[in-house]
Amino acid sequence: MRIMSAVYLIVIGLVIGCYGNKTNSGSYTLKLENANFEELRSLFMKNKGPGVGDHREKFSAFAASLTYRKTLGDGEIVKFDKVWTNINNDYHPSTGVYTAPKAGVYQFACTVMTQNGKSLNVFLWKNNTRTVAIYPGLTHHNMGTLNMILELKKGDKVYIKQWGAGGHIHSESPSNYSMFSGYIIR
């Protein structure tokens, strides 16, 4: 409905803001005055509804995976090194940390695989606070997953970190068994 209203405003503005010029052939051409166009554009930008215009400057999303297996030390942050998507570059693969670009509600997901017969116990962290854990178990190559919605302030940090004595995370390129992703919902 908002889009139709905006289109209606543009059409009205074009009709009002245009005047005719007679050509040599006797027909008329319409010319929009620059001032009227800028005023109309400004009005449209103020009245646009959600999802209209350039959404990238407000949107943040990332998806990254681990391309190798690793033994993690106690308290080690997992650095998911293969970046698939990183809109606004808010995820930093060199540190494994996602930094919220603005206050809002965010959704995060993580899937990890253990090395064969070894343990892994990781948590999703918000700043210095543990939230939810993944403990896939000890037998074979087990997988665990988490999904979490968090309310964040601008600058909050979110990451996956090993809890307790060394954990053994498995992944390999091109399979990318272990991954971490997130995006702003609103």
Protein backbone atom coordinates (compact mmCIF):
# COMPACT_ATOMS: atom_id res chain seq x y z
CA MET A 1 0.00 0.00 0.00
CA ARG A 2 2.87 2.39 0.85
CA ILE A 3 4.51 1.73 -2.48
CA MET A 4 1.31 2.54 -4.37
CA SER A 5 0.98 5.79 -2.36
CA ALA A 6 4.59 6.70 -3.17
CA VAL A 7 4.06 5.99 -6.88
CA TYR A 8 0.88 8.07 -6.83
CA LEU A 9 2.79 10.97 -5.22
CA ILE A 10 5.51 10.75 -7.85
CA VAL A 11 3.03 10.78 -10.74
CA ILE A 12 1.17 13.77 -9.26
CA GLY A 13 4.48 15.55 -8.68
CA LEU A 14 5.63 14.90 -12.22
CA VAL A 15 2.41 16.21 -13.68
CA ILE A 16 2.44 19.33 -11.47
CA GLY A 17 6.19 19.95 -11.78
CA CYS A 18 6.37 19.62 -15.55
CA TYR A 19 5.60 22.16 -18.22
CA GLY A 20 5.37 21.69 -21.94
CA ASN A 21 7.75 22.87 -24.64
CA LYS A 22 6.41 23.02 -28.17
CA THR A 23 8.74 21.47 -30.73
CA ASN A 24 9.08 22.38 -34.42
CA SER A 25 6.85 19.45 -35.36
CA GLY A 26 4.00 20.86 -33.27
CA SER A 27 4.15 18.22 -30.52
CA TYR A 28 4.88 18.91 -26.86
CA THR A 29 7.68 17.54 -24.69
CA LEU A 30 7.63 17.57 -20.92
CA LYS A 31 10.56 18.96 -18.97
CA LEU A 32 10.93 18.58 -15.21
CA GLU A 33 12.47 21.51 -13.40
CA ASN A 34 15.55 20.47 -11.38
CA ALA A 35 14.27 22.11 -8.19
CA ASN A 36 10.95 20.26 -8.46
CA PHE A 37 12.70 16.96 -9.09
CA GLU A 38 14.98 17.34 -6.04
CA GLU A 39 12.01 18.33 -3.87
CA LEU A 40 10.04 15.34 -5.11
CA ARG A 41 12.98 12.98 -4.58
CA SER A 42 13.45 14.28 -1.05
CA LEU A 43 9.73 13.82 -0.32
CA PHE A 44 9.82 10.26 -1.67
CA MET A 45 12.89 9.36 0.43
CA LYS A 46 11.16 10.65 3.60
CA ASN A 47 7.96 8.68 2.89
CA LYS A 48 9.42 5.43 1.62
CA GLY A 49 8.34 2.30 3.38
CA PRO A 50 10.51 -0.52 4.70
CA GLY A 51 12.30 -2.48 2.01
CA VAL A 52 12.38 0.43 -0.42
CA GLY A 53 15.71 1.91 -1.45
CA ASP A 54 19.23 0.81 -0.54
CA HIS A 55 18.85 -1.74 2.24
CA ARG A 56 22.58 -2.63 2.36
CA GLU A 57 23.57 0.33 4.52
CA LYS A 58 21.17 -0.83 7.26
CA PHE A 59 21.53 -4.59 6.83
CA SER A 60 24.26 -6.80 8.26
CA ALA A 61 24.72 -10.51 7.59
CA PHE A 62 27.56 -13.02 7.51
CA ALA A 63 28.19 -16.71 6.91
CA ALA A 64 31.58 -18.36 7.41
CA SER A 65 32.90 -21.88 7.72
CA LEU A 66 36.02 -23.60 8.98
CA THR A 67 38.15 -25.22 6.28
CA TYR A 68 40.41 -27.40 8.47
CA ARG A 69 40.32 -29.46 11.67
CA LYS A 70 41.81 -27.95 14.79
CA THR A 71 42.49 -28.68 18.44
CA LEU A 72 41.18 -25.74 20.43
CA GLY A 73 42.71 -24.53 23.67
CA ASP A 74 40.64 -23.66 26.74
CA GLY A 75 38.81 -20.41 25.97
CA GLU A 76 39.94 -20.26 22.33
CA ILE A 77 37.63 -18.45 19.92
CA VAL A 78 36.91 -20.43 16.75
CA LYS A 79 38.06 -18.48 13.70
CA PHE A 80 35.78 -19.51 10.85
CA ASP A 81 38.11 -18.66 7.98
CA LYS A 82 36.09 -19.26 4.79
CA VAL A 83 33.77 -16.25 4.44
CA TRP A 84 30.78 -16.87 2.20
CA THR A 85 28.84 -13.69 2.92
CA ASN A 86 29.91 -10.61 4.88
CA ILE A 87 27.56 -7.70 4.18
CA ASN A 88 29.11 -4.59 5.76
CA ASN A 89 32.18 -6.62 6.89
CA ASP A 90 30.95 -6.90 10.48
CA TYR A 91 32.40 -10.43 10.85
CA HIS A 92 36.19 -10.58 11.22
CA PRO A 93 37.63 -13.96 10.15
CA SER A 94 41.04 -13.13 11.66
CA THR A 95 39.47 -12.96 15.15
CA GLY A 96 36.25 -15.02 14.69
CA VAL A 97 34.24 -12.14 16.16
CA TYR A 98 31.08 -10.50 14.81
CA THR A 99 30.55 -6.88 15.91
CA ALA A 100 26.99 -5.49 15.88
CA PRO A 101 26.92 -2.37 13.67
CA LYS A 102 23.78 -1.03 15.41
CA ALA A 103 21.30 -1.86 18.14
CA GLY A 104 18.74 -4.46 17.11
CA VAL A 105 17.56 -8.06 17.17
CA TYR A 106 19.92 -10.59 15.59
CA GLN A 107 19.72 -14.29 14.72
CA PHE A 108 22.83 -16.52 14.95
CA ALA A 109 23.40 -20.15 13.94
CA CYS A 110 26.35 -22.47 14.35
CA THR A 111 27.03 -26.08 13.39
CA VAL A 112 30.16 -27.90 14.52
CA MET A 113 31.54 -31.39 13.95
CA THR A 114 33.84 -33.24 16.34
CA GLN A 115 36.93 -35.08 15.27
CA ASN A 116 36.47 -38.86 15.34
CA GLY A 117 36.17 -40.04 18.97
CA LYS A 118 37.16 -36.67 20.47
CA SER A 119 35.18 -34.12 22.47
CA LEU A 120 34.12 -30.57 21.71
CA ASN A 121 32.19 -28.15 23.91
CA VAL A 122 31.65 -24.67 22.47
CA PHE A 123 29.37 -21.79 23.46
CA LEU A 124 27.90 -18.84 21.65
CA TRP A 125 29.19 -15.80 23.53
CA LYS A 126 27.77 -12.28 23.71
CA ASN A 127 30.57 -10.01 24.87
CA ASN A 128 31.90 -11.86 27.96
CA THR A 129 28.73 -13.86 28.64
CA ARG A 130 28.10 -17.48 27.65
CA THR A 131 24.68 -18.06 26.11
CA VAL A 132 23.98 -21.52 24.65
CA ALA A 133 26.27 -24.51 24.17
CA ILE A 134 26.94 -27.19 21.62
CA TYR A 135 28.21 -30.54 22.91
CA PRO A 136 28.09 -33.06 20.04
CA GLY A 137 29.36 -36.07 22.04
CA LEU A 138 32.40 -38.33 21.92
CA THR A 139 31.80 -41.13 19.43
CA HIS A 140 32.64 -40.95 15.75
CA HIS A 141 32.22 -37.64 13.86
CA ASN A 142 29.27 -36.07 15.67
CA MET A 143 27.57 -32.83 14.77
CA GLY A 144 25.80 -30.30 16.95
CA THR A 145 23.97 -27.12 16.11
CA LEU A 146 22.56 -24.03 17.76
CA ASN A 147 20.19 -21.23 16.80
CA MET A 148 19.81 -18.16 18.95
CA ILE A 149 18.13 -14.77 18.76
CA LEU A 150 19.88 -12.01 20.69
CA GLU A 151 19.10 -8.38 21.32
CA LEU A 152 22.34 -6.47 20.79
CA LYS A 153 23.59 -2.95 21.31
CA LYS A 154 25.89 -1.25 18.82
CA GLY A 155 29.40 -2.64 19.32
CA ASP A 156 28.37 -5.87 21.07
CA LYS A 157 30.61 -8.83 20.18
CA VAL A 158 29.33 -12.32 19.32
CA TYR A 159 31.54 -15.36 18.77
CA ILE A 160 31.95 -19.13 19.26
CA LYS A 161 34.44 -20.16 21.96
CA GLN A 162 35.71 -23.46 23.37
CA TRP A 163 34.72 -24.14 26.97
CA GLY A 164 36.99 -26.22 29.18
CA ALA A 165 40.04 -28.28 28.26
CA GLY A 166 40.98 -28.69 24.61
CA GLY A 167 38.23 -29.39 22.15
CA HIS A 168 38.63 -31.00 18.76
CA ILE A 169 36.67 -29.37 15.94
CA HIS A 170 36.52 -31.06 12.55
CA SER A 171 36.06 -29.49 9.17
CA GLU A 172 37.68 -29.66 5.79
CA SER A 173 37.54 -27.90 2.48
CA PRO A 174 35.42 -28.32 0.36
CA SER A 175 32.90 -29.93 2.78
CA ASN A 176 32.91 -27.08 5.35
CA TYR A 177 31.26 -29.16 8.11
CA SER A 178 31.59 -26.47 10.79
CA MET A 179 30.02 -23.04 10.22
CA PHE A 180 28.86 -19.85 11.91
CA SER A 181 26.36 -17.26 10.59
CA GLY A 182 24.21 -14.39 11.71
CA TYR A 183 22.14 -11.45 10.53
CA ILE A 184 20.10 -8.55 11.84
CA ILE A 185 16.36 -9.20 11.94
CA ARG A 186 15.36 -5.64 12.84
